[in-house]
Amino acid sequence: MDGFTHRGPVEPPFGCAPFRPLAEVVDSVVSRIAPDNDGRTPRYVAEGREIVTVHTGRRVSPPRAREALFCEIEAVLATQQDELVEGDLLRVGDLVRAIRAAERSDPLPPAAIQRAA
């Protein structure tokens, strides 16, 4: 050892990619797991600020839908039969898209409206 404590910048390991915004990464992961609807009816749709289950008509808020999403993901991980996983992943993708659409239709908060005026 030469006694120097400063060794200079540390290089990242080979194959490391630079940091990217999380939204970009999540979008690409969701699109790989569950591709867009291929001519099929989605199981969940957003109507305004609510997520609607198409087959039952049940309506939930985005926070409740997120709780259901966690349960759906746990079900995918617990599934032992490979042929059932594809349908579960499609359902998860539909729910993610519906949650995002419902959250995008959120009205502006009163403070933002006042600033805009």
PDB file of N, CA and C in Angstrom:
ATOM      1  N   MET A   1       0.842  -1.181   0.000  1.00  0.00           N
ATOM      2  CA  MET A   1       0.000   0.000   0.000  1.00  0.00           C
ATOM      3  C   MET A   1       0.882   1.238   0.000  1.00  0.00           C
ATOM      4  N   ASP A   2       0.423   2.258  -0.696  1.00  0.00           N
ATOM      5  CA  ASP A   2       1.229   3.468  -0.808  1.00  0.00           C
ATOM      6  C   ASP A   2       0.808   4.557   0.170  1.00  0.00           C
ATOM      7  N   GLY A   3      -0.222   4.335   0.952  1.00  0.00           N
ATOM      8  CA  GLY A   3      -0.627   5.301   1.951  1.00  0.00           C
ATOM      9  C   GLY A   3      -1.614   6.344   1.482  1.00  0.00           C
ATOM     10  N   PHE A   4      -1.942   6.386   0.201  1.00  0.00           N
ATOM     11  CA  PHE A   4      -2.911   7.359  -0.293  1.00  0.00           C
ATOM     12  C   PHE A   4      -4.327   6.876  -0.005  1.00  0.00           C
ATOM     13  N   THR A   5      -5.153   7.778   0.508  1.00  0.00           N
ATOM     14  CA  THR A   5      -6.543   7.406   0.784  1.00  0.00           C
ATOM     15  C   THR A   5      -7.468   7.730  -0.374  1.00  0.00           C
ATOM     16  N   HIS A   6      -7.070   8.660  -1.214  1.00  0.00           N
ATOM     17  CA  HIS A   6      -7.919   9.028  -2.346  1.00  0.00           C
ATOM     18  C   HIS A   6      -7.499   8.225  -3.579  1.00  0.00           C
ATOM     19  N   ARG A   7      -8.422   7.475  -4.151  1.00  0.00           N
ATOM     20  CA  ARG A   7      -8.111   6.622  -5.287  1.00  0.00           C
ATOM     21  C   ARG A   7      -8.733   7.117  -6.581  1.00  0.00           C
ATOM     22  N   GLY A   8      -9.459   8.216  -6.566  1.00  0.00           N
ATOM     23  CA  GLY A   8     -10.082   8.723  -7.787  1.00  0.00           C
ATOM     24  C   GLY A   8     -11.487   8.170  -7.967  1.00  0.00           C
ATOM     25  N   PRO A   9     -12.115   8.520  -9.075  1.00  0.00           N
ATOM     26  CA  PRO A   9     -13.497   8.084  -9.295  1.00  0.00           C
ATOM     27  C   PRO A   9     -13.583   6.573  -9.500  1.00  0.00           C
ATOM     28  N   VAL A  10     -14.678   6.010  -9.043  1.00  0.00           N
ATOM     29  CA  VAL A  10     -14.915   4.579  -9.184  1.00  0.00           C
ATOM     30  C   VAL A  10     -15.712   4.356 -10.458  1.00  0.00           C
ATOM     31  N   GLU A  11     -15.254   3.467 -11.296  1.00  0.00           N
ATOM     32  CA  GLU A  11     -15.959   3.177 -12.534  1.00  0.00           C
ATOM     33  C   GLU A  11     -17.072   2.176 -12.265  1.00  0.00           C
ATOM     34  N   PRO A  12     -18.194   2.336 -12.958  1.00  0.00           N
ATOM     35  CA  PRO A  12     -19.277   1.368 -12.763  1.00  0.00           C
ATOM     36  C   PRO A  12     -18.888   0.020 -13.373  1.00  0.00           C
ATOM     37  N   PRO A  13     -19.508  -1.042 -12.917  1.00  0.00           N
ATOM     38  CA  PRO A  13     -19.225  -2.353 -13.508  1.00  0.00           C
ATOM     39  C   PRO A  13     -19.642  -2.381 -14.981  1.00  0.00           C
ATOM     40  N   PHE A  14     -19.067  -3.281 -15.712  1.00  0.00           N
ATOM     41  CA  PHE A  14     -19.382  -3.396 -17.137  1.00  0.00           C
ATOM     42  C   PHE A  14     -20.857  -3.721 -17.331  1.00  0.00           C
ATOM     43  N   GLY A  15     -21.440  -3.129 -18.345  1.00  0.00           N
ATOM     44  CA  GLY A  15     -22.835  -3.407 -18.673  1.00  0.00           C
ATOM     45  C   GLY A  15     -23.839  -2.555 -17.932  1.00  0.00           C
ATOM     46  N   CYS A  16     -23.410  -1.647 -17.070  1.00  0.00           N
ATOM     47  CA  CYS A  16     -24.346  -0.796 -16.347  1.00  0.00           C
ATOM     48  C   CYS A  16     -24.876   0.292 -17.275  1.00  0.00           C
ATOM     49  N   ALA A  17     -26.140   0.520 -17.189  1.00  0.00           N
ATOM     50  CA  ALA A  17     -26.760   1.575 -17.986  1.00  0.00           C
ATOM     51  C   ALA A  17     -26.880   2.824 -17.126  1.00  0.00           C
ATOM     52  N   PRO A  18     -26.901   3.990 -17.737  1.00  0.00           N
ATOM     53  CA  PRO A  18     -27.094   5.208 -16.942  1.00  0.00           C
ATOM     54  C   PRO A  18     -28.501   5.232 -16.337  1.00  0.00           C
ATOM     55  N   PHE A  19     -28.659   6.047 -15.325  1.00  0.00           N
ATOM     56  CA  PHE A  19     -29.959   6.156 -14.665  1.00  0.00           C
ATOM     57  C   PHE A  19     -30.993   6.715 -15.636  1.00  0.00           C
ATOM     58  N   ARG A  20     -32.219   6.193 -15.539  1.00  0.00           N
ATOM     59  CA  ARG A  20     -33.329   6.684 -16.345  1.00  0.00           C
ATOM     60  C   ARG A  20     -34.491   6.988 -15.416  1.00  0.00           C
ATOM     61  N   PRO A  21     -35.390   7.883 -15.818  1.00  0.00           N
ATOM     62  CA  PRO A  21     -36.571   8.132 -14.976  1.00  0.00           C
ATOM     63  C   PRO A  21     -37.381   6.852 -14.793  1.00  0.00           C
ATOM     64  N   LEU A  22     -37.922   6.689 -13.608  1.00  0.00           N
ATOM     65  CA  LEU A  22     -38.664   5.480 -13.278  1.00  0.00           C
ATOM     66  C   LEU A  22     -39.866   5.279 -14.194  1.00  0.00           C
ATOM     67  N   ALA A  23     -40.514   6.360 -14.609  1.00  0.00           N
ATOM     68  CA  ALA A  23     -41.693   6.237 -15.473  1.00  0.00           C
ATOM     69  C   ALA A  23     -41.343   5.549 -16.783  1.00  0.00           C
ATOM     70  N   GLU A  24     -40.167   5.834 -17.342  1.00  0.00           N
ATOM     71  CA  GLU A  24     -39.759   5.177 -18.582  1.00  0.00           C
ATOM     72  C   GLU A  24     -39.539   3.689 -18.367  1.00  0.00           C
ATOM     73  N   VAL A  25     -38.928   3.328 -17.265  1.00  0.00           N
ATOM     74  CA  VAL A  25     -38.633   1.932 -16.992  1.00  0.00           C
ATOM     75  C   VAL A  25     -39.921   1.156 -16.763  1.00  0.00           C
ATOM     76  N   VAL A  26     -40.845   1.706 -15.971  1.00  0.00           N
ATOM     77  CA  VAL A  26     -42.093   1.019 -15.667  1.00  0.00           C
ATOM     78  C   VAL A  26     -42.907   0.817 -16.940  1.00  0.00           C
ATOM     79  N   ASP A  27     -42.971   1.842 -17.808  1.00  0.00           N
ATOM     80  CA  ASP A  27     -43.722   1.696 -19.049  1.00  0.00           C
ATOM     81  C   ASP A  27     -43.165   0.561 -19.895  1.00  0.00           C
ATOM     82  N   SER A  28     -41.848   0.467 -20.007  1.00  0.00           N
ATOM     83  CA  SER A  28     -41.270  -0.585 -20.838  1.00  0.00           C
ATOM     84  C   SER A  28     -41.485  -1.958 -20.222  1.00  0.00           C
ATOM     85  N   VAL A  29     -41.425  -2.055 -18.899  1.00  0.00           N
ATOM     86  CA  VAL A  29     -41.637  -3.338 -18.234  1.00  0.00           C
ATOM     87  C   VAL A  29     -43.079  -3.788 -18.415  1.00  0.00           C
ATOM     88  N   VAL A  30     -44.022  -2.877 -18.216  1.00  0.00           N
ATOM     89  CA  VAL A  30     -45.434  -3.237 -18.365  1.00  0.00           C
ATOM     90  C   VAL A  30     -45.733  -3.641 -19.803  1.00  0.00           C
ATOM     91  N   SER A  31     -45.167  -2.943 -20.781  1.00  0.00           N
ATOM     92  CA  SER A  31     -45.447  -3.292 -22.172  1.00  0.00           C
ATOM     93  C   SER A  31     -44.853  -4.648 -22.541  1.00  0.00           C
ATOM     94  N   ARG A  32     -43.729  -5.028 -21.916  1.00  0.00           N
ATOM     95  CA  ARG A  32     -43.162  -6.351 -22.193  1.00  0.00           C
ATOM     96  C   ARG A  32     -43.956  -7.452 -21.510  1.00  0.00           C
ATOM     97  N   ILE A  33     -44.436  -7.194 -20.300  1.00  0.00           N
ATOM     98  CA  ILE A  33     -45.183  -8.218 -19.559  1.00  0.00           C
ATOM     99  C   ILE A  33     -46.554  -8.417 -20.183  1.00  0.00           C
ATOM    100  N   ALA A  34     -47.264  -7.325 -20.397  1.00  0.00           N
ATOM    101  CA  ALA A  34     -48.629  -7.407 -20.908  1.00  0.00           C
ATOM    102  C   ALA A  34     -48.762  -6.465 -22.090  1.00  0.00           C
ATOM    103  N   PRO A  35     -48.651  -6.981 -23.310  1.00  0.00           N
ATOM    104  CA  PRO A  35     -48.771  -6.109 -24.478  1.00  0.00           C
ATOM    105  C   PRO A  35     -50.161  -5.489 -24.572  1.00  0.00           C
ATOM    106  N   ASP A  36     -50.259  -4.418 -25.348  1.00  0.00           N
ATOM    107  CA  ASP A  36     -51.555  -3.764 -25.518  1.00  0.00           C
ATOM    108  C   ASP A  36     -52.595  -4.756 -26.010  1.00  0.00           C
ATOM    109  N   ASN A  37     -53.851  -4.370 -25.846  1.00  0.00           N
ATOM    110  CA  ASN A  37     -54.947  -5.254 -26.223  1.00  0.00           C
ATOM    111  C   ASN A  37     -54.829  -5.672 -27.679  1.00  0.00           C
ATOM    112  N   ASP A  38     -54.775  -6.950 -27.894  1.00  0.00           N
ATOM    113  CA  ASP A  38     -54.690  -7.498 -29.241  1.00  0.00           C
ATOM    114  C   ASP A  38     -56.085  -7.886 -29.716  1.00  0.00           C
ATOM    115  N   GLY A  39     -56.955  -6.897 -29.863  1.00  0.00           N
ATOM    116  CA  GLY A  39     -58.306  -7.171 -30.320  1.00  0.00           C
ATOM    117  C   GLY A  39     -59.211  -7.756 -29.250  1.00  0.00           C
ATOM    118  N   ARG A  40     -58.798  -7.721 -28.014  1.00  0.00           N
ATOM    119  CA  ARG A  40     -59.636  -8.258 -26.938  1.00  0.00           C
ATOM    120  C   ARG A  40     -60.156  -7.118 -26.073  1.00  0.00           C
ATOM    121  N   THR A  41     -61.212  -7.386 -25.361  1.00  0.00           N
ATOM    122  CA  THR A  41     -61.787  -6.393 -24.465  1.00  0.00           C
ATOM    123  C   THR A  41     -60.993  -6.387 -23.162  1.00  0.00           C
ATOM    124  N   PRO A  42     -60.524  -5.221 -22.717  1.00  0.00           N
ATOM    125  CA  PRO A  42     -59.784  -5.191 -21.445  1.00  0.00           C
ATOM    126  C   PRO A  42     -60.710  -5.518 -20.276  1.00  0.00           C
ATOM    127  N   ARG A  43     -60.147  -6.083 -19.245  1.00  0.00           N
ATOM    128  CA  ARG A  43     -60.951  -6.464 -18.077  1.00  0.00           C
ATOM    129  C   ARG A  43     -61.275  -5.270 -17.190  1.00  0.00           C
ATOM    130  N   TYR A  44     -60.436  -4.229 -17.255  1.00  0.00           N
ATOM    131  CA  TYR A  44     -60.640  -3.025 -16.455  1.00  0.00           C
ATOM    132  C   TYR A  44     -60.544  -1.814 -17.366  1.00  0.00           C
ATOM    133  N   VAL A  45     -61.422  -0.841 -17.149  1.00  0.00           N
ATOM    134  CA  VAL A  45     -61.371   0.418 -17.889  1.00  0.00           C
ATOM    135  C   VAL A  45     -61.543   1.566 -16.903  1.00  0.00           C
ATOM    136  N   ALA A  46     -61.046   2.723 -17.296  1.00  0.00           N
ATOM    137  CA  ALA A  46     -61.200   3.915 -16.470  1.00  0.00           C
ATOM    138  C   ALA A  46     -62.368   4.730 -16.991  1.00  0.00           C
ATOM    139  N   GLU A  47     -63.234   5.108 -16.097  1.00  0.00           N
ATOM    140  CA  GLU A  47     -64.336   6.013 -16.418  1.00  0.00           C
ATOM    141  C   GLU A  47     -64.231   7.189 -15.460  1.00  0.00           C
ATOM    142  N   GLY A  48     -63.668   8.254 -15.964  1.00  0.00           N
ATOM    143  CA  GLY A  48     -63.428   9.408 -15.104  1.00  0.00           C
ATOM    144  C   GLY A  48     -62.376   9.075 -14.073  1.00  0.00           C
ATOM    145  N   ARG A  49     -62.728   9.231 -12.827  1.00  0.00           N
ATOM    146  CA  ARG A  49     -61.790   9.004 -11.726  1.00  0.00           C
ATOM    147  C   ARG A  49     -61.921   7.599 -11.146  1.00  0.00           C
ATOM    148  N   GLU A  50     -62.728   6.730 -11.738  1.00  0.00           N
ATOM    149  CA  GLU A  50     -62.962   5.395 -11.203  1.00  0.00           C
ATOM    150  C   GLU A  50     -62.493   4.326 -12.184  1.00  0.00           C
ATOM    151  N   ILE A  51     -62.154   3.169 -11.624  1.00  0.00           N
ATOM    152  CA  ILE A  51     -61.790   2.009 -12.431  1.00  0.00           C
ATOM    153  C   ILE A  51     -62.974   1.055 -12.372  1.00  0.00           C
ATOM    154  N   VAL A  52     -63.413   0.622 -13.558  1.00  0.00           N
ATOM    155  CA  VAL A  52     -64.592  -0.229 -13.660  1.00  0.00           C
ATOM    156  C   VAL A  52     -64.168  -1.612 -14.139  1.00  0.00           C
ATOM    157  N   THR A  53     -64.634  -2.654 -13.441  1.00  0.00           N
ATOM    158  CA  THR A  53     -64.454  -4.022 -13.913  1.00  0.00           C
ATOM    159  C   THR A  53     -65.500  -4.257 -14.982  1.00  0.00           C
ATOM    160  N   VAL A  54     -65.069  -4.562 -16.195  1.00  0.00           N
ATOM    161  CA  VAL A  54     -65.971  -4.621 -17.341  1.00  0.00           C
ATOM    162  C   VAL A  54     -67.054  -5.672 -17.159  1.00  0.00           C
ATOM    163  N   HIS A  55     -66.708  -6.856 -16.681  1.00  0.00           N
ATOM    164  CA  HIS A  55     -67.670  -7.960 -16.630  1.00  0.00           C
ATOM    165  C   HIS A  55     -68.685  -7.836 -15.496  1.00  0.00           C
ATOM    166  N   THR A  56     -68.299  -7.181 -14.393  1.00  0.00           N
ATOM    167  CA  THR A  56     -69.211  -7.089 -13.252  1.00  0.00           C
ATOM    168  C   THR A  56     -69.774  -5.692 -13.047  1.00  0.00           C
ATOM    169  N   GLY A  57     -69.131  -4.677 -13.599  1.00  0.00           N
ATOM    170  CA  GLY A  57     -69.585  -3.302 -13.412  1.00  0.00           C
ATOM    171  C   GLY A  57     -69.158  -2.708 -12.080  1.00  0.00           C
ATOM    172  N   ARG A  58     -68.333  -3.416 -11.337  1.00  0.00           N
ATOM    173  CA  ARG A  58     -67.862  -2.930 -10.034  1.00  0.00           C
ATOM    174  C   ARG A  58     -66.939  -1.728 -10.237  1.00  0.00           C
ATOM    175  N   ARG A  59     -67.122  -0.684  -9.430  1.00  0.00           N
ATOM    176  CA  ARG A  59     -66.332   0.547  -9.530  1.00  0.00           C
ATOM    177  C   ARG A  59     -65.503   0.715  -8.261  1.00  0.00           C
ATOM    178  N   VAL A  60     -64.231   1.085  -8.472  1.00  0.00           N
ATOM    179  CA  VAL A  60     -63.349   1.333  -7.329  1.00  0.00           C
ATOM    180  C   VAL A  60     -62.505   2.572  -7.608  1.00  0.00           C
ATOM    181  N   SER A  61     -61.990   3.156  -6.548  1.00  0.00           N
ATOM    182  CA  SER A  61     -61.108   4.315  -6.669  1.00  0.00           C
ATOM    183  C   SER A  61     -59.694   3.827  -6.977  1.00  0.00           C
ATOM    184  N   PRO A  62     -58.820   4.712  -7.482  1.00  0.00           N
ATOM    185  CA  PRO A  62     -57.441   4.294  -7.759  1.00  0.00           C
ATOM    186  C   PRO A  62     -56.691   3.709  -6.554  1.00  0.00           C
ATOM    187  N   PRO A  63     -56.823   4.263  -5.337  1.00  0.00           N
ATOM    188  CA  PRO A  63     -56.118   3.623  -4.214  1.00  0.00           C
ATOM    189  C   PRO A  63     -56.596   2.193  -3.948  1.00  0.00           C
ATOM    190  N   ARG A  64     -57.905   1.967  -4.059  1.00  0.00           N
ATOM    191  CA  ARG A  64     -58.423   0.596  -3.875  1.00  0.00           C
ATOM    192  C   ARG A  64     -57.973  -0.317  -5.011  1.00  0.00           C
ATOM    193  N   ALA A  65     -57.888   0.232  -6.220  1.00  0.00           N
ATOM    194  CA  ALA A  65     -57.422  -0.561  -7.354  1.00  0.00           C
ATOM    195  C   ALA A  65     -55.956  -0.937  -7.187  1.00  0.00           C
ATOM    196  N   ARG A  66     -55.172  -0.047  -6.592  1.00  0.00           N
ATOM    197  CA  ARG A  66     -53.760  -0.367  -6.332  1.00  0.00           C
ATOM    198  C   ARG A  66     -53.648  -1.524  -5.342  1.00  0.00           C
ATOM    199  N   GLU A  67     -54.504  -1.541  -4.335  1.00  0.00           N
ATOM    200  CA  GLU A  67     -54.510  -2.661  -3.385  1.00  0.00           C
ATOM    201  C   GLU A  67     -54.854  -3.958  -4.116  1.00  0.00           C
ATOM    202  N   ALA A  68     -55.837  -3.885  -5.005  1.00  0.00           N
ATOM    203  CA  ALA A  68     -56.206  -5.069  -5.788  1.00  0.00           C
ATOM    204  C   ALA A  68     -55.064  -5.491  -6.708  1.00  0.00           C
ATOM    205  N   LEU A  69     -54.322  -4.504  -7.236  1.00  0.00           N
ATOM    206  CA  LEU A  69     -53.189  -4.801  -8.103  1.00  0.00           C
ATOM    207  C   LEU A  69     -52.131  -5.599  -7.353  1.00  0.00           C
ATOM    208  N   PHE A  70     -51.850  -5.229  -6.112  1.00  0.00           N
ATOM    209  CA  PHE A  70     -50.871  -5.976  -5.325  1.00  0.00           C
ATOM    210  C   PHE A  70     -51.321  -7.424  -5.131  1.00  0.00           C
ATOM    211  N   CYS A  71     -52.616  -7.624  -4.903  1.00  0.00           N
ATOM    212  CA  CYS A  71     -53.142  -8.990  -4.762  1.00  0.00           C
ATOM    213  C   CYS A  71     -53.010  -9.758  -6.074  1.00  0.00           C
ATOM    214  N   GLU A  72     -53.277  -9.084  -7.191  1.00  0.00           N
ATOM    215  CA  GLU A  72     -53.147  -9.726  -8.506  1.00  0.00           C
ATOM    216  C   GLU A  72     -51.700 -10.142  -8.757  1.00  0.00           C
ATOM    217  N   ILE A  73     -50.755  -9.285  -8.417  1.00  0.00           N
ATOM    218  CA  ILE A  73     -49.342  -9.616  -8.623  1.00  0.00           C
ATOM    219  C   ILE A  73     -48.939 -10.795  -7.746  1.00  0.00           C
ATOM    220  N   GLU A  74     -49.408 -10.818  -6.510  1.00  0.00           N
ATOM    221  CA  GLU A  74     -49.127 -11.962  -5.641  1.00  0.00           C
ATOM    222  C   GLU A  74     -49.713 -13.241  -6.223  1.00  0.00           C
ATOM    223  N   ALA A  75     -50.898 -13.149  -6.836  1.00  0.00           N
ATOM    224  CA  ALA A  75     -51.514 -14.325  -7.457  1.00  0.00           C
ATOM    225  C   ALA A  75     -50.681 -14.808  -8.638  1.00  0.00           C
ATOM    226  N   VAL A  76     -50.138 -13.881  -9.418  1.00  0.00           N
ATOM    227  CA  VAL A  76     -49.284 -14.267 -10.544  1.00  0.00           C
ATOM    228  C   VAL A  76     -48.046 -15.009 -10.030  1.00  0.00           C
ATOM    229  N   LEU A  77     -47.446 -14.488  -8.988  1.00  0.00           N
ATOM    230  CA  LEU A  77     -46.243 -15.114  -8.447  1.00  0.00           C
ATOM    231  C   LEU A  77     -46.530 -16.473  -7.823  1.00  0.00           C
ATOM    232  N   ALA A  78     -47.735 -16.661  -7.298  1.00  0.00           N
ATOM    233  CA  ALA A  78     -48.079 -17.916  -6.639  1.00  0.00           C
ATOM    234  C   ALA A  78     -48.582 -18.981  -7.612  1.00  0.00           C
ATOM    235  N   THR A  79     -48.879 -18.609  -8.853  1.00  0.00           N
ATOM    236  CA  THR A  79     -49.428 -19.557  -9.818  1.00  0.00           C
ATOM    237  C   THR A  79     -48.381 -20.610 -10.172  1.00  0.00           C
ATOM    238  N   GLN A  80     -48.780 -21.863 -10.077  1.00  0.00           N
ATOM    239  CA  GLN A  80     -47.876 -22.974 -10.357  1.00  0.00           C
ATOM    240  C   GLN A  80     -47.948 -23.438 -11.816  1.00  0.00           C
ATOM    241  N   GLN A  81     -49.076 -23.198 -12.473  1.00  0.00           N
ATOM    242  CA  GLN A  81     -49.264 -23.677 -13.846  1.00  0.00           C
ATOM    243  C   GLN A  81     -48.925 -22.573 -14.828  1.00  0.00           C
ATOM    244  N   ASP A  82     -47.986 -22.836 -15.706  1.00  0.00           N
ATOM    245  CA  ASP A  82     -47.511 -21.826 -16.651  1.00  0.00           C
ATOM    246  C   ASP A  82     -48.600 -21.336 -17.589  1.00  0.00           C
ATOM    247  N   GLU A  83     -49.532 -22.188 -17.977  1.00  0.00           N
ATOM    248  CA  GLU A  83     -50.565 -21.769 -18.933  1.00  0.00           C
ATOM    249  C   GLU A  83     -51.554 -20.772 -18.329  1.00  0.00           C
ATOM    250  N   LEU A  84     -51.620 -20.691 -17.015  1.00  0.00           N
ATOM    251  CA  LEU A  84     -52.516 -19.730 -16.360  1.00  0.00           C
ATOM    252  C   LEU A  84     -51.861 -18.366 -16.160  1.00  0.00           C
ATOM    253  N   VAL A  85     -50.560 -18.301 -16.213  1.00  0.00           N
ATOM    254  CA  VAL A  85     -49.841 -17.061 -15.930  1.00  0.00           C
ATOM    255  C   VAL A  85     -50.121 -16.005 -16.989  1.00  0.00           C
ATOM    256  N   GLU A  86     -50.223 -16.399 -18.251  1.00  0.00           N
ATOM    257  CA  GLU A  86     -50.437 -15.419 -19.315  1.00  0.00           C
ATOM    258  C   GLU A  86     -51.726 -14.626 -19.108  1.00  0.00           C
ATOM    259  N   GLY A  87     -52.805 -15.300 -18.758  1.00  0.00           N
ATOM    260  CA  GLY A  87     -54.067 -14.608 -18.494  1.00  0.00           C
ATOM    261  C   GLY A  87     -53.975 -13.679 -17.303  1.00  0.00           C
ATOM    262  N   ASP A  88     -53.260 -14.126 -16.263  1.00  0.00           N
ATOM    263  CA  ASP A  88     -53.073 -13.280 -15.082  1.00  0.00           C
ATOM    264  C   ASP A  88     -52.270 -12.033 -15.425  1.00  0.00           C
ATOM    265  N   LEU A  89     -51.248 -12.182 -16.258  1.00  0.00           N
ATOM    266  CA  LEU A  89     -50.440 -11.027 -16.659  1.00  0.00           C
ATOM    267  C   LEU A  89     -51.242 -10.052 -17.508  1.00  0.00           C
ATOM    268  N   LEU A  90     -52.117 -10.556 -18.358  1.00  0.00           N
ATOM    269  CA  LEU A  90     -52.981  -9.668 -19.144  1.00  0.00           C
ATOM    270  C   LEU A  90     -53.899  -8.874 -18.231  1.00  0.00           C
ATOM    271  N   ARG A  91     -54.433  -9.537 -17.209  1.00  0.00           N
ATOM    272  CA  ARG A  91     -55.309  -8.852 -16.253  1.00  0.00           C
ATOM    273  C   ARG A  91     -54.539  -7.774 -15.484  1.00  0.00           C
ATOM    274  N   VAL A  92     -53.304  -8.071 -15.085  1.00  0.00           N
ATOM    275  CA  VAL A  92     -52.468  -7.087 -14.381  1.00  0.00           C
ATOM    276  C   VAL A  92     -52.203  -5.892 -15.286  1.00  0.00           C
ATOM    277  N   GLY A  93     -51.868  -6.142 -16.549  1.00  0.00           N
ATOM    278  CA  GLY A  93     -51.616  -5.048 -17.489  1.00  0.00           C
ATOM    279  C   GLY A  93     -52.836  -4.168 -17.690  1.00  0.00           C
ATOM    280  N   ASP A  94     -54.016  -4.794 -17.796  1.00  0.00           N
ATOM    281  CA  ASP A  94     -55.256  -4.021 -17.941  1.00  0.00           C
ATOM    282  C   ASP A  94     -55.492  -3.135 -16.727  1.00  0.00           C
ATOM    283  N   LEU A  95     -55.233  -3.674 -15.544  1.00  0.00           N
ATOM    284  CA  LEU A  95     -55.456  -2.905 -14.320  1.00  0.00           C
ATOM    285  C   LEU A  95     -54.465  -1.751 -14.211  1.00  0.00           C
ATOM    286  N   VAL A  96     -53.211  -1.971 -14.591  1.00  0.00           N
ATOM    287  CA  VAL A  96     -52.213  -0.892 -14.556  1.00  0.00           C
ATOM    288  C   VAL A  96     -52.632   0.228 -15.502  1.00  0.00           C
ATOM    289  N   ARG A  97     -53.040  -0.118 -16.719  1.00  0.00           N
ATOM    290  CA  ARG A  97     -53.453   0.905 -17.686  1.00  0.00           C
ATOM    291  C   ARG A  97     -54.683   1.668 -17.194  1.00  0.00           C
ATOM    292  N   ALA A  98     -55.634   0.972 -16.580  1.00  0.00           N
ATOM    293  CA  ALA A  98     -56.843   1.631 -16.079  1.00  0.00           C
ATOM    294  C   ALA A  98     -56.512   2.572 -14.927  1.00  0.00           C
ATOM    295  N   ILE A  99     -55.621   2.166 -14.038  1.00  0.00           N
ATOM    296  CA  ILE A  99     -55.231   3.028 -12.917  1.00  0.00           C
ATOM    297  C   ILE A  99     -54.569   4.291 -13.448  1.00  0.00           C
ATOM    298  N   ARG A 100     -53.667   4.130 -14.402  1.00  0.00           N
ATOM    299  CA  ARG A 100     -52.992   5.300 -14.974  1.00  0.00           C
ATOM    300  C   ARG A 100     -53.979   6.237 -15.653  1.00  0.00           C
ATOM    301  N   ALA A 101     -54.913   5.689 -16.410  1.00  0.00           N
ATOM    302  CA  ALA A 101     -55.896   6.530 -17.098  1.00  0.00           C
ATOM    303  C   ALA A 101     -56.777   7.266 -16.094  1.00  0.00           C
ATOM    304  N   ALA A 102     -57.176   6.585 -15.021  1.00  0.00           N
ATOM    305  CA  ALA A 102     -58.014   7.228 -14.005  1.00  0.00           C
ATOM    306  C   ALA A 102     -57.250   8.331 -13.284  1.00  0.00           C
ATOM    307  N   GLU A 103     -55.984   8.107 -13.017  1.00  0.00           N
ATOM    308  CA  GLU A 103     -55.201   9.131 -12.328  1.00  0.00           C
ATOM    309  C   GLU A 103     -54.885  10.307 -13.237  1.00  0.00           C
ATOM    310  N   ARG A 104     -54.808  10.079 -14.541  1.00  0.00           N
ATOM    311  CA  ARG A 104     -54.582  11.187 -15.481  1.00  0.00           C
ATOM    312  C   ARG A 104     -55.807  12.086 -15.590  1.00  0.00           C
ATOM    313  N   SER A 105     -56.980  11.533 -15.366  1.00  0.00           N
ATOM    314  CA  SER A 105     -58.196  12.342 -15.485  1.00  0.00           C
ATOM    315  C   SER A 105     -58.521  13.071 -14.194  1.00  0.00           C
ATOM    316  N   ASP A 106     -57.559  13.101 -13.288  1.00  0.00           N
ATOM    317  CA  ASP A 106     -57.728  13.809 -12.021  1.00  0.00           C
ATOM    318  C   ASP A 106     -57.937  15.297 -12.286  1.00  0.00           C
ATOM    319  N   PRO A 107     -58.938  15.915 -11.695  1.00  0.00           N
ATOM    320  CA  PRO A 107     -59.114  17.357 -11.897  1.00  0.00           C
ATOM    321  C   PRO A 107     -57.974  18.128 -11.230  1.00  0.00           C
ATOM    322  N   LEU A 108     -57.723  19.306 -11.732  1.00  0.00           N
ATOM    323  CA  LEU A 108     -56.675  20.146 -11.151  1.00  0.00           C
ATOM    324  C   LEU A 108     -57.063  20.580  -9.738  1.00  0.00           C
ATOM    325  N   PRO A 109     -56.112  20.654  -8.837  1.00  0.00           N
ATOM    326  CA  PRO A 109     -56.412  21.147  -7.488  1.00  0.00           C
ATOM    327  C   PRO A 109     -56.761  22.632  -7.547  1.00  0.00           C
ATOM    328  N   PRO A 110     -57.561  23.155  -6.600  1.00  0.00           N
ATOM    329  CA  PRO A 110     -57.976  24.534  -6.620  1.00  0.00           C
ATOM    330  C   PRO A 110     -56.808  25.535  -6.688  1.00  0.00           C
ATOM    331  N   ALA A 111     -55.703  25.237  -6.023  1.00  0.00           N
ATOM    332  CA  ALA A 111     -54.558  26.151  -6.038  1.00  0.00           C
ATOM    333  C   ALA A 111     -53.985  26.278  -7.436  1.00  0.00           C
ATOM    334  N   ALA A 112     -53.944  25.195  -8.195  1.00  0.00           N
ATOM    335  CA  ALA A 112     -53.414  25.246  -9.561  1.00  0.00           C
ATOM    336  C   ALA A 112     -54.351  26.060 -10.462  1.00  0.00           C
ATOM    337  N   ILE A 113     -55.632  25.968 -10.234  1.00  0.00           N
ATOM    338  CA  ILE A 113     -56.597  26.732 -11.028  1.00  0.00           C
ATOM    339  C   ILE A 113     -56.445  28.216 -10.733  1.00  0.00           C
ATOM    340  N   GLN A 114     -56.245  28.576  -9.465  1.00  0.00           N
ATOM    341  CA  GLN A 114     -56.066  29.987  -9.113  1.00  0.00           C
ATOM    342  C   GLN A 114     -54.794  30.558  -9.725  1.00  0.00           C
ATOM    343  N   ARG A 115     -53.704  29.787  -9.715  1.00  0.00           N
ATOM    344  CA  ARG A 115     -52.462  30.260 -10.302  1.00  0.00           C
ATOM    345  C   ARG A 115     -52.599  30.452 -11.809  1.00  0.00           C
ATOM    346  N   ALA A 116     -53.336  29.579 -12.461  1.00  0.00           N
ATOM    347  CA  ALA A 116     -53.507  29.670 -13.903  1.00  0.00           C
ATOM    348  C   ALA A 116     -54.347  30.899 -14.296  1.00  0.00           C
ATOM    349  N   ALA A 117     -55.268  31.271 -13.422  1.00  0.00           N
ATOM    350  CA  ALA A 117     -56.138  32.415 -13.720  1.00  0.00           C
ATOM    351  C   ALA A 117     -55.444  33.689 -13.476  1.00  0.00           C
TER     352      ALA A 117
END
